[in-house]
Amino acid sequence: LTAQGTIVDVAVNNKDFSTLVTALKAADLVGALQGDGPFTVFA
């Protein structure tokens, strides 16, 4: 299930996370979660 790109890219490319992506954009967190990390996201 390893995907290409950051965890944000993975979420953007999965239709089941569209509300999460909308919320990340509204909270201005996209840039932070595209950083080096590493992060564990409970999505």
Full PDB file with SEQRES, HELIX, SHEET, SSBOND, CRYST1, ORIGX, SCALE, CONECT and MASTER records, all heavy atoms in Angstrom:
SEQRES   1 A   43  LEU THR ALA GLN GLY THR ILE VAL ASP VAL ALA VAL ASN          
SEQRES   2 A   43  ASN LYS ASP PHE SER THR LEU VAL THR ALA LEU LYS ALA          
SEQRES   3 A   43  ALA ASP LEU VAL GLY ALA LEU GLN GLY ASP GLY PRO PHE          
SEQRES   4 A   43  THR VAL PHE ALA                                              
HELIX    1 AA1 ILE A    7  VAL A   12  1                                   6    
HELIX    2 AA2 LYS A   15  PHE A   17  5                                   3    
HELIX    3 AA3 SER A   18  ALA A   26  1                                   9    
HELIX    4 AA4 VAL A   30  LEU A   33  1                                   4    
CRYST1    1.000    1.000    1.000  90.00  90.00  90.00 P 1           1          
ORIGX1      1.000000  0.000000  0.000000        0.00000                         
ORIGX2      0.000000  1.000000  0.000000        0.00000                         
ORIGX3      0.000000  0.000000  1.000000        0.00000                         
SCALE1      1.000000  0.000000  0.000000        0.00000                         
SCALE2      0.000000  1.000000  0.000000        0.00000                         
SCALE3      0.000000  0.000000  1.000000        0.00000                         
ATOM      1  N   LEU A   1       0.821  -1.200   0.000  1.00  0.00           N  
ATOM      2  CA  LEU A   1       0.000   0.000   0.000  1.00  0.00           C  
ATOM      3  C   LEU A   1       0.863   1.260   0.000  1.00  0.00           C  
ATOM      4  O   LEU A   1       0.358   2.362  -0.003  1.00  0.00           O  
ATOM      5  CB  LEU A   1      -0.924   0.025   1.225  1.00  0.00           C  
ATOM      6  CG  LEU A   1      -2.078  -0.958   1.205  1.00  0.00           C  
ATOM      7  CD1 LEU A   1      -2.861  -0.867   2.504  1.00  0.00           C  
ATOM      8  CD2 LEU A   1      -2.984  -0.743   0.028  1.00  0.00           C  
ATOM      9  N   THR A   2       2.167   1.080  -0.006  1.00  0.00           N  
ATOM     10  CA  THR A   2       3.083   2.218  -0.026  1.00  0.00           C  
ATOM     11  C   THR A   2       2.775   3.078  -1.240  1.00  0.00           C  
ATOM     12  O   THR A   2       2.695   2.602  -2.363  1.00  0.00           O  
ATOM     13  CB  THR A   2       4.541   1.727  -0.066  1.00  0.00           C  
ATOM     14  OG1 THR A   2       4.763   0.933   1.085  1.00  0.00           O  
ATOM     15  CG2 THR A   2       5.499   2.889  -0.081  1.00  0.00           C  
ATOM     16  N   ALA A   3       2.608   4.343  -1.000  1.00  0.00           N  
ATOM     17  CA  ALA A   3       2.244   5.262  -2.075  1.00  0.00           C  
ATOM     18  C   ALA A   3       3.376   6.247  -2.320  1.00  0.00           C  
ATOM     19  O   ALA A   3       4.264   6.412  -1.503  1.00  0.00           O  
ATOM     20  CB  ALA A   3       0.981   6.010  -1.693  1.00  0.00           C  
ATOM     21  N   GLN A   4       3.286   6.909  -3.435  1.00  0.00           N  
ATOM     22  CA  GLN A   4       4.258   7.941  -3.765  1.00  0.00           C  
ATOM     23  C   GLN A   4       3.802   9.258  -3.154  1.00  0.00           C  
ATOM     24  O   GLN A   4       2.623   9.560  -3.110  1.00  0.00           O  
ATOM     25  CB  GLN A   4       4.383   8.080  -5.287  1.00  0.00           C  
ATOM     26  CG  GLN A   4       4.873   6.816  -5.964  1.00  0.00           C  
ATOM     27  CD  GLN A   4       6.260   6.427  -5.503  1.00  0.00           C  
ATOM     28  OE1 GLN A   4       7.132   7.272  -5.364  1.00  0.00           O  
ATOM     29  NE2 GLN A   4       6.475   5.151  -5.252  1.00  0.00           N  
ATOM     30  N   GLY A   5       4.755  10.051  -2.694  1.00  0.00           N  
ATOM     31  CA  GLY A   5       4.440  11.372  -2.166  1.00  0.00           C  
ATOM     32  C   GLY A   5       4.246  11.367  -0.669  1.00  0.00           C  
ATOM     33  O   GLY A   5       4.320  10.350   0.001  1.00  0.00           O  
ATOM     34  N   THR A   6       3.979  12.562  -0.155  1.00  0.00           N  
ATOM     35  CA  THR A   6       3.787  12.750   1.280  1.00  0.00           C  
ATOM     36  C   THR A   6       2.451  12.168   1.720  1.00  0.00           C  
ATOM     37  O   THR A   6       1.616  11.793   0.891  1.00  0.00           O  
ATOM     38  CB  THR A   6       3.815  14.246   1.630  1.00  0.00           C  
ATOM     39  OG1 THR A   6       2.672  14.866   1.022  1.00  0.00           O  
ATOM     40  CG2 THR A   6       5.100  14.914   1.159  1.00  0.00           C  
ATOM     41  N   ILE A   7       2.235  12.165   3.022  1.00  0.00           N  
ATOM     42  CA  ILE A   7       0.957  11.676   3.527  1.00  0.00           C  
ATOM     43  C   ILE A   7      -0.199  12.549   3.031  1.00  0.00           C  
ATOM     44  O   ILE A   7      -1.295  12.049   2.817  1.00  0.00           O  
ATOM     45  CB  ILE A   7       0.964  11.530   5.060  1.00  0.00           C  
ATOM     46  CG1 ILE A   7       1.424  12.793   5.744  1.00  0.00           C  
ATOM     47  CG2 ILE A   7       1.786  10.355   5.497  1.00  0.00           C  
ATOM     48  CD1 ILE A   7       1.441  12.722   7.244  1.00  0.00           C  
ATOM     49  N   VAL A   8       0.061  13.834   2.799  1.00  0.00           N  
ATOM     50  CA  VAL A   8      -0.977  14.705   2.231  1.00  0.00           C  
ATOM     51  C   VAL A   8      -1.283  14.267   0.794  1.00  0.00           C  
ATOM     52  O   VAL A   8      -2.449  14.185   0.404  1.00  0.00           O  
ATOM     53  CB  VAL A   8      -0.560  16.193   2.275  1.00  0.00           C  
ATOM     54  CG1 VAL A   8      -1.545  17.050   1.509  1.00  0.00           C  
ATOM     55  CG2 VAL A   8      -0.451  16.669   3.715  1.00  0.00           C  
ATOM     56  N   ASP A   9      -0.246  13.969   0.016  1.00  0.00           N  
ATOM     57  CA  ASP A   9      -0.456  13.490  -1.354  1.00  0.00           C  
ATOM     58  C   ASP A   9      -1.276  12.210  -1.362  1.00  0.00           C  
ATOM     59  O   ASP A   9      -2.169  12.029  -2.198  1.00  0.00           O  
ATOM     60  CB  ASP A   9       0.890  13.246  -2.057  1.00  0.00           C  
ATOM     61  CG  ASP A   9       1.700  14.507  -2.226  1.00  0.00           C  
ATOM     62  OD1 ASP A   9       1.105  15.592  -2.396  1.00  0.00           O  
ATOM     63  OD2 ASP A   9       2.950  14.412  -2.172  1.00  0.00           O  
ATOM     64  N   VAL A  10      -0.981  11.310  -0.429  1.00  0.00           N  
ATOM     65  CA  VAL A  10      -1.723  10.054  -0.318  1.00  0.00           C  
ATOM     66  C   VAL A  10      -3.204  10.356  -0.049  1.00  0.00           C  
ATOM     67  O   VAL A  10      -4.095   9.787  -0.684  1.00  0.00           O  
ATOM     68  CB  VAL A  10      -1.137   9.155   0.795  1.00  0.00           C  
ATOM     69  CG1 VAL A  10      -2.031   7.941   1.049  1.00  0.00           C  
ATOM     70  CG2 VAL A  10       0.280   8.724   0.432  1.00  0.00           C  
ATOM     71  N   ALA A  11      -3.464  11.268   0.880  1.00  0.00           N  
ATOM     72  CA  ALA A  11      -4.846  11.628   1.216  1.00  0.00           C  
ATOM     73  C   ALA A  11      -5.555  12.291   0.042  1.00  0.00           C  
ATOM     74  O   ALA A  11      -6.710  11.979  -0.255  1.00  0.00           O  
ATOM     75  CB  ALA A  11      -4.877  12.541   2.439  1.00  0.00           C  
ATOM     76  N   VAL A  12      -4.846  13.192  -0.644  1.00  0.00           N  
ATOM     77  CA  VAL A  12      -5.445  13.887  -1.796  1.00  0.00           C  
ATOM     78  C   VAL A  12      -5.834  12.897  -2.888  1.00  0.00           C  
ATOM     79  O   VAL A  12      -6.864  13.059  -3.555  1.00  0.00           O  
ATOM     80  CB  VAL A  12      -4.462  14.958  -2.346  1.00  0.00           C  
ATOM     81  CG1 VAL A  12      -4.889  15.454  -3.717  1.00  0.00           C  
ATOM     82  CG2 VAL A  12      -4.350  16.122  -1.365  1.00  0.00           C  
ATOM     83  N   ASN A  13      -5.048  11.852  -3.056  1.00  0.00           N  
ATOM     84  CA  ASN A  13      -5.288  10.873  -4.116  1.00  0.00           C  
ATOM     85  C   ASN A  13      -6.235   9.752  -3.716  1.00  0.00           C  
ATOM     86  O   ASN A  13      -6.406   8.792  -4.463  1.00  0.00           O  
ATOM     87  CB  ASN A  13      -3.954  10.294  -4.602  1.00  0.00           C  
ATOM     88  CG  ASN A  13      -3.149  11.323  -5.351  1.00  0.00           C  
ATOM     89  OD1 ASN A  13      -3.680  12.062  -6.177  1.00  0.00           O  
ATOM     90  ND2 ASN A  13      -1.861  11.399  -5.048  1.00  0.00           N  
ATOM     91  N   ASN A  14      -6.868   9.860  -2.550  1.00  0.00           N  
ATOM     92  CA  ASN A  14      -7.814   8.847  -2.096  1.00  0.00           C  
ATOM     93  C   ASN A  14      -9.158   9.521  -1.836  1.00  0.00           C  
ATOM     94  O   ASN A  14      -9.285  10.334  -0.933  1.00  0.00           O  
ATOM     95  CB  ASN A  14      -7.285   8.178  -0.819  1.00  0.00           C  
ATOM     96  CG  ASN A  14      -8.148   7.043  -0.350  1.00  0.00           C  
ATOM     97  OD1 ASN A  14      -9.363   7.077  -0.472  1.00  0.00           O  
ATOM     98  ND2 ASN A  14      -7.519   6.027   0.214  1.00  0.00           N  
ATOM     99  N   LYS A  15     -10.153   9.155  -2.632  1.00  0.00           N  
ATOM    100  CA  LYS A  15     -11.470   9.809  -2.530  1.00  0.00           C  
ATOM    101  C   LYS A  15     -12.110   9.655  -1.151  1.00  0.00           C  
ATOM    102  O   LYS A  15     -12.931  10.469  -0.745  1.00  0.00           O  
ATOM    103  CB  LYS A  15     -12.411   9.292  -3.617  1.00  0.00           C  
ATOM    104  CG  LYS A  15     -12.726   7.817  -3.544  1.00  0.00           C  
ATOM    105  CD  LYS A  15     -13.670   7.386  -4.650  1.00  0.00           C  
ATOM    106  CE  LYS A  15     -13.913   5.921  -4.729  1.00  0.00           C  
ATOM    107  NZ  LYS A  15     -14.065   5.154  -3.518  1.00  0.00           N  
ATOM    108  N   ASP A  16     -11.710   8.644  -0.390  1.00  0.00           N  
ATOM    109  CA  ASP A  16     -12.273   8.439   0.951  1.00  0.00           C  
ATOM    110  C   ASP A  16     -11.779   9.456   1.972  1.00  0.00           C  
ATOM    111  O   ASP A  16     -12.285   9.518   3.087  1.00  0.00           O  
ATOM    112  CB  ASP A  16     -11.938   7.029   1.452  1.00  0.00           C  
ATOM    113  CG  ASP A  16     -12.672   5.953   0.666  1.00  0.00           C  
ATOM    114  OD1 ASP A  16     -13.793   6.220   0.189  1.00  0.00           O  
ATOM    115  OD2 ASP A  16     -12.113   4.845   0.528  1.00  0.00           O  
ATOM    116  N   PHE A  17     -10.779  10.264   1.587  1.00  0.00           N  
ATOM    117  CA  PHE A  17     -10.238  11.282   2.486  1.00  0.00           C  
ATOM    118  C   PHE A  17     -10.543  12.702   2.013  1.00  0.00           C  
ATOM    119  O   PHE A  17      -9.910  13.647   2.470  1.00  0.00           O  
ATOM    120  CB  PHE A  17      -8.719  11.119   2.632  1.00  0.00           C  
ATOM    121  CG  PHE A  17      -8.293   9.852   3.314  1.00  0.00           C  
ATOM    122  CD1 PHE A  17      -7.328   9.036   2.738  1.00  0.00           C  
ATOM    123  CD2 PHE A  17      -8.844   9.463   4.526  1.00  0.00           C  
ATOM    124  CE1 PHE A  17      -6.915   7.876   3.356  1.00  0.00           C  
ATOM    125  CE2 PHE A  17      -8.438   8.295   5.153  1.00  0.00           C  
ATOM    126  CZ  PHE A  17      -7.470   7.496   4.562  1.00  0.00           C  
ATOM    127  N   SER A  18     -11.508  12.886   1.136  1.00  0.00           N  
ATOM    128  CA  SER A  18     -11.769  14.230   0.595  1.00  0.00           C  
ATOM    129  C   SER A  18     -12.203  15.220   1.683  1.00  0.00           C  
ATOM    130  O   SER A  18     -11.808  16.387   1.645  1.00  0.00           O  
ATOM    131  CB  SER A  18     -12.795  14.180  -0.543  1.00  0.00           C  
ATOM    132  OG  SER A  18     -14.024  13.665  -0.084  1.00  0.00           O  
ATOM    133  N   THR A  19     -12.974  14.776   2.655  1.00  0.00           N  
ATOM    134  CA  THR A  19     -13.378  15.675   3.746  1.00  0.00           C  
ATOM    135  C   THR A  19     -12.171  16.032   4.607  1.00  0.00           C  
ATOM    136  O   THR A  19     -12.007  17.197   4.997  1.00  0.00           O  
ATOM    137  CB  THR A  19     -14.485  15.034   4.612  1.00  0.00           C  
ATOM    138  OG1 THR A  19     -15.577  14.656   3.766  1.00  0.00           O  
ATOM    139  CG2 THR A  19     -14.981  16.000   5.675  1.00  0.00           C  
ATOM    140  N   LEU A  20     -11.312  15.069   4.867  1.00  0.00           N  
ATOM    141  CA  LEU A  20     -10.090  15.339   5.619  1.00  0.00           C  
ATOM    142  C   LEU A  20      -9.223  16.363   4.893  1.00  0.00           C  
ATOM    143  O   LEU A  20      -8.727  17.304   5.501  1.00  0.00           O  
ATOM    144  CB  LEU A  20      -9.300  14.041   5.847  1.00  0.00           C  
ATOM    145  CG  LEU A  20      -7.936  14.186   6.524  1.00  0.00           C  
ATOM    146  CD1 LEU A  20      -8.070  14.778   7.919  1.00  0.00           C  
ATOM    147  CD2 LEU A  20      -7.227  12.835   6.574  1.00  0.00           C  
ATOM    148  N   VAL A  21      -9.069  16.207   3.590  1.00  0.00           N  
ATOM    149  CA  VAL A  21      -8.263  17.145   2.807  1.00  0.00           C  
ATOM    150  C   VAL A  21      -8.872  18.544   2.853  1.00  0.00           C  
ATOM    151  O   VAL A  21      -8.160  19.537   3.042  1.00  0.00           O  
ATOM    152  CB  VAL A  21      -8.097  16.649   1.354  1.00  0.00           C  
ATOM    153  CG1 VAL A  21      -7.456  17.708   0.474  1.00  0.00           C  
ATOM    154  CG2 VAL A  21      -7.273  15.359   1.328  1.00  0.00           C  
ATOM    155  N   THR A  22     -10.184  18.628   2.730  1.00  0.00           N  
ATOM    156  CA  THR A  22     -10.877  19.919   2.835  1.00  0.00           C  
ATOM    157  C   THR A  22     -10.615  20.560   4.195  1.00  0.00           C  
ATOM    158  O   THR A  22     -10.333  21.752   4.294  1.00  0.00           O  
ATOM    159  CB  THR A  22     -12.397  19.742   2.616  1.00  0.00           C  
ATOM    160  OG1 THR A  22     -12.611  19.223   1.296  1.00  0.00           O  
ATOM    161  CG2 THR A  22     -13.155  21.041   2.779  1.00  0.00           C  
ATOM    162  N   ALA A  23     -10.682  19.747   5.252  1.00  0.00           N  
ATOM    163  CA  ALA A  23     -10.443  20.255   6.603  1.00  0.00           C  
ATOM    164  C   ALA A  23      -8.985  20.696   6.781  1.00  0.00           C  
ATOM    165  O   ALA A  23      -8.718  21.736   7.393  1.00  0.00           O  
ATOM    166  CB  ALA A  23     -10.813  19.190   7.633  1.00  0.00           C  
ATOM    167  N   LEU A  24      -8.044  19.928   6.240  1.00  0.00           N  
ATOM    168  CA  LEU A  24      -6.623  20.305   6.334  1.00  0.00           C  
ATOM    169  C   LEU A  24      -6.371  21.644   5.650  1.00  0.00           C  
ATOM    170  O   LEU A  24      -5.619  22.475   6.157  1.00  0.00           O  
ATOM    171  CB  LEU A  24      -5.735  19.222   5.705  1.00  0.00           C  
ATOM    172  CG  LEU A  24      -5.599  17.920   6.488  1.00  0.00           C  
ATOM    173  CD1 LEU A  24      -4.894  16.862   5.643  1.00  0.00           C  
ATOM    174  CD2 LEU A  24      -4.862  18.146   7.799  1.00  0.00           C  
ATOM    175  N   LYS A  25      -7.017  21.849   4.504  1.00  0.00           N  
ATOM    176  CA  LYS A  25      -6.877  23.123   3.787  1.00  0.00           C  
ATOM    177  C   LYS A  25      -7.484  24.258   4.596  1.00  0.00           C  
ATOM    178  O   LYS A  25      -6.882  25.324   4.734  1.00  0.00           O  
ATOM    179  CB  LYS A  25      -7.523  23.033   2.404  1.00  0.00           C  
ATOM    180  CG  LYS A  25      -6.754  22.149   1.443  1.00  0.00           C  
ATOM    181  CD  LYS A  25      -7.479  22.017   0.110  1.00  0.00           C  
ATOM    182  CE  LYS A  25      -6.719  21.107  -0.842  1.00  0.00           C  
ATOM    183  NZ  LYS A  25      -7.461  20.893  -2.097  1.00  0.00           N  
ATOM    184  N   ALA A  26      -8.676  24.032   5.156  1.00  0.00           N  
ATOM    185  CA  ALA A  26      -9.360  25.068   5.938  1.00  0.00           C  
ATOM    186  C   ALA A  26      -8.561  25.447   7.188  1.00  0.00           C  
ATOM    187  O   ALA A  26      -8.581  26.600   7.613  1.00  0.00           O  
ATOM    188  CB  ALA A  26     -10.766  24.591   6.332  1.00  0.00           C  
ATOM    189  N   ALA A  27      -7.849  24.474   7.772  1.00  0.00           N  
ATOM    190  CA  ALA A  27      -7.059  24.730   8.980  1.00  0.00           C  
ATOM    191  C   ALA A  27      -5.638  25.182   8.640  1.00  0.00           C  
ATOM    192  O   ALA A  27      -4.850  25.432   9.545  1.00  0.00           O  
ATOM    193  CB  ALA A  27      -7.005  23.474   9.839  1.00  0.00           C  
ATOM    194  N   ASP A  28      -5.345  25.280   7.366  1.00  0.00           N  
ATOM    195  CA  ASP A  28      -4.024  25.702   6.885  1.00  0.00           C  
ATOM    196  C   ASP A  28      -2.918  24.774   7.408  1.00  0.00           C  
ATOM    197  O   ASP A  28      -1.859  25.225   7.847  1.00  0.00           O  
ATOM    198  CB  ASP A  28      -3.752  27.154   7.288  1.00  0.00           C  
ATOM    199  CG  ASP A  28      -2.673  27.798   6.418  1.00  0.00           C  
ATOM    200  OD1 ASP A  28      -2.441  27.325   5.292  1.00  0.00           O  
ATOM    201  OD2 ASP A  28      -2.056  28.775   6.892  1.00  0.00           O  
ATOM    202  N   LEU A  29      -3.173  23.457   7.354  1.00  0.00           N  
ATOM    203  CA  LEU A  29      -2.216  22.473   7.849  1.00  0.00           C  
ATOM    204  C   LEU A  29      -1.549  21.659   6.741  1.00  0.00           C  
ATOM    205  O   LEU A  29      -0.688  20.825   7.033  1.00  0.00           O  
ATOM    206  CB  LEU A  29      -2.903  21.512   8.826  1.00  0.00           C  
ATOM    207  CG  LEU A  29      -3.328  22.101  10.157  1.00  0.00           C  
ATOM    208  CD1 LEU A  29      -4.138  21.091  10.958  1.00  0.00           C  
ATOM    209  CD2 LEU A  29      -2.117  22.562  10.952  1.00  0.00           C  
ATOM    210  N   VAL A  30      -1.934  21.880   5.496  1.00  0.00           N  
ATOM    211  CA  VAL A  30      -1.378  21.093   4.393  1.00  0.00           C  
ATOM    212  C   VAL A  30       0.141  21.214   4.353  1.00  0.00           C  
ATOM    213  O   VAL A  30       0.865  20.220   4.282  1.00  0.00           O  
ATOM    214  CB  VAL A  30      -2.012  21.491   3.041  1.00  0.00           C  
ATOM    215  CG1 VAL A  30      -1.283  20.837   1.876  1.00  0.00           C  
ATOM    216  CG2 VAL A  30      -3.490  21.123   3.030  1.00  0.00           C  
ATOM    217  N   GLY A  31       0.646  22.445   4.422  1.00  0.00           N  
ATOM    218  CA  GLY A  31       2.093  22.670   4.363  1.00  0.00           C  
ATOM    219  C   GLY A  31       2.839  21.966   5.477  1.00  0.00           C  
ATOM    220  O   GLY A  31       3.890  21.359   5.253  1.00  0.00           O  
ATOM    221  N   ALA A  32       2.284  22.023   6.689  1.00  0.00           N  
ATOM    222  CA  ALA A  32       2.941  21.389   7.830  1.00  0.00           C  
ATOM    223  C   ALA A  32       3.043  19.877   7.642  1.00  0.00           C  
ATOM    224  O   ALA A  32       4.070  19.273   7.936  1.00  0.00           O  
ATOM    225  CB  ALA A  32       2.181  21.706   9.120  1.00  0.00           C  
ATOM    226  N   LEU A  33       1.981  19.256   7.126  1.00  0.00           N  
ATOM    227  CA  LEU A  33       1.978  17.802   6.954  1.00  0.00           C  
ATOM    228  C   LEU A  33       2.689  17.349   5.675  1.00  0.00           C  
ATOM    229  O   LEU A  33       2.809  16.164   5.434  1.00  0.00           O  
ATOM    230  CB  LEU A  33       0.553  17.261   6.994  1.00  0.00           C  
ATOM    231  CG  LEU A  33      -0.103  17.325   8.370  1.00  0.00           C  
ATOM    232  CD1 LEU A  33      -1.530  16.824   8.314  1.00  0.00           C  
ATOM    233  CD2 LEU A  33       0.705  16.538   9.396  1.00  0.00           C  
ATOM    234  N   GLN A  34       3.150  18.307   4.887  1.00  0.00           N  
ATOM    235  CA  GLN A  34       3.988  17.962   3.745  1.00  0.00           C  
ATOM    236  C   GLN A  34       5.467  18.089   4.112  1.00  0.00           C  
ATOM    237  O   GLN A  34       6.329  17.817   3.298  1.00  0.00           O  
ATOM    238  CB  GLN A  34       3.669  18.853   2.538  1.00  0.00           C  
ATOM    239  CG  GLN A  34       2.358  18.478   1.883  1.00  0.00           C  
ATOM    240  CD  GLN A  34       2.018  19.369   0.705  1.00  0.00           C  
ATOM    241  OE1 GLN A  34       2.283  20.563   0.708  1.00  0.00           O  
ATOM    242  NE2 GLN A  34       1.414  18.772  -0.296  1.00  0.00           N  
ATOM    243  N   GLY A  35       5.742  18.492   5.358  1.00  0.00           N  
ATOM    244  CA  GLY A  35       7.112  18.631   5.846  1.00  0.00           C  
ATOM    245  C   GLY A  35       7.792  17.280   5.978  1.00  0.00           C  
ATOM    246  O   GLY A  35       7.222  16.232   5.693  1.00  0.00           O  
ATOM    247  N   ASP A  36       9.033  17.336   6.450  1.00  0.00           N  
ATOM    248  CA  ASP A  36       9.850  16.130   6.543  1.00  0.00           C  
ATOM    249  C   ASP A  36       9.277  15.062   7.468  1.00  0.00           C  
ATOM    250  O   ASP A  36       9.429  13.878   7.237  1.00  0.00           O  
ATOM    251  CB  ASP A  36      11.264  16.488   7.021  1.00  0.00           C  
ATOM    252  CG  ASP A  36      12.043  17.272   5.971  1.00  0.00           C  
ATOM    253  OD1 ASP A  36      11.677  17.196   4.778  1.00  0.00           O  
ATOM    254  OD2 ASP A  36      13.007  17.948   6.351  1.00  0.00           O  
ATOM    255  N   GLY A  37       8.634  15.506   8.558  1.00  0.00           N  
ATOM    256  CA  GLY A  37       8.119  14.532   9.502  1.00  0.00           C  
ATOM    257  C   GLY A  37       9.246  13.794  10.199  1.00  0.00           C  
ATOM    258  O   GLY A  37      10.291  14.386  10.463  1.00  0.00           O  
ATOM    259  N   PRO A  38       9.092  12.539  10.464  1.00  0.00           N  
ATOM    260  CA  PRO A  38       7.959  11.705  10.060  1.00  0.00           C  
ATOM    261  C   PRO A  38       6.750  11.915  10.972  1.00  0.00           C  
ATOM    262  O   PRO A  38       6.882  12.347  12.108  1.00  0.00           O  
ATOM    263  CB  PRO A  38       8.499  10.284  10.185  1.00  0.00           C  
ATOM    264  CG  PRO A  38       9.528  10.373  11.257  1.00  0.00           C  
ATOM    265  CD  PRO A  38      10.130  11.753  11.141  1.00  0.00           C  
ATOM    266  N   PHE A  39       5.594  11.575  10.411  1.00  0.00           N  
ATOM    267  CA  PHE A  39       4.326  11.709  11.125  1.00  0.00           C  
ATOM    268  C   PHE A  39       3.576  10.382  11.091  1.00  0.00           C  
ATOM    269  O   PHE A  39       3.702   9.620  10.143  1.00  0.00           O  
ATOM    270  CB  PHE A  39       3.421  12.757  10.467  1.00  0.00           C  
ATOM    271  CG  PHE A  39       4.027  14.116  10.354  1.00  0.00           C  
ATOM    272  CD1 PHE A  39       4.462  14.595   9.123  1.00  0.00           C  
ATOM    273  CD2 PHE A  39       4.160  14.939  11.456  1.00  0.00           C  
ATOM    274  CE1 PHE A  39       5.011  15.856   8.996  1.00  0.00           C  
ATOM    275  CE2 PHE A  39       4.712  16.208  11.346  1.00  0.00           C  
ATOM    276  CZ  PHE A  39       5.138  16.669  10.107  1.00  0.00           C  
ATOM    277  N   THR A  40       2.778  10.157  12.112  1.00  0.00           N  
ATOM    278  CA  THR A  40       1.782   9.096  12.104  1.00  0.00           C  
ATOM    279  C   THR A  40       0.438   9.793  12.151  1.00  0.00           C  
ATOM    280  O   THR A  40       0.173  10.575  13.073  1.00  0.00           O  
ATOM    281  CB  THR A  40       1.942   8.157  13.316  1.00  0.00           C  
ATOM    282  OG1 THR A  40       3.240   7.557  13.257  1.00  0.00           O  
ATOM    283  CG2 THR A  40       0.864   7.087  13.328  1.00  0.00           C  
ATOM    284  N   VAL A  41      -0.380   9.548  11.150  1.00  0.00           N  
ATOM    285  CA  VAL A  41      -1.688  10.193  11.052  1.00  0.00           C  
ATOM    286  C   VAL A  41      -2.774   9.139  11.235  1.00  0.00           C  
ATOM    287  O   VAL A  41      -2.781   8.118  10.540  1.00  0.00           O  
ATOM    288  CB  VAL A  41      -1.865  10.903   9.695  1.00  0.00           C  
ATOM    289  CG1 VAL A  41      -3.261  11.515   9.586  1.00  0.00           C  
ATOM    290  CG2 VAL A  41      -0.794  11.962   9.493  1.00  0.00           C  
ATOM    291  N   PHE A  42      -3.663   9.392  12.171  1.00  0.00           N  
ATOM    292  CA  PHE A  42      -4.857   8.579  12.341  1.00  0.00           C  
ATOM    293  C   PHE A  42      -5.944   9.305  11.552  1.00  0.00           C  
ATOM    294  O   PHE A  42      -6.510  10.297  12.021  1.00  0.00           O  
ATOM    295  CB  PHE A  42      -5.202   8.428  13.827  1.00  0.00           C  
ATOM    296  CG  PHE A  42      -4.138   7.689  14.589  1.00  0.00           C  
ATOM    297  CD1 PHE A  42      -3.217   8.371  15.363  1.00  0.00           C  
ATOM    298  CD2 PHE A  42      -4.051   6.305  14.504  1.00  0.00           C  
ATOM    299  CE1 PHE A  42      -2.222   7.689  16.058  1.00  0.00           C  
ATOM    300  CE2 PHE A  42      -3.058   5.611  15.198  1.00  0.00           C  
ATOM    301  CZ  PHE A  42      -2.143   6.308  15.971  1.00  0.00           C  
ATOM    302  N   ALA A  43      -6.174   8.842  10.330  1.00  0.00           N  
ATOM    303  CA  ALA A  43      -6.983   9.587   9.363  1.00  0.00           C  
ATOM    304  C   ALA A  43      -8.438   9.123   9.330  1.00  0.00           C  
ATOM    305  O   ALA A  43      -8.723   7.988   8.958  1.00  0.00           O  
ATOM    306  CB  ALA A  43      -6.367   9.444   7.969  1.00  0.00           C  
TER     307      ALA A  43                                                      
MASTER        0    0    0    4    0    0    0    6  306    1    0    4          
END                                                                             
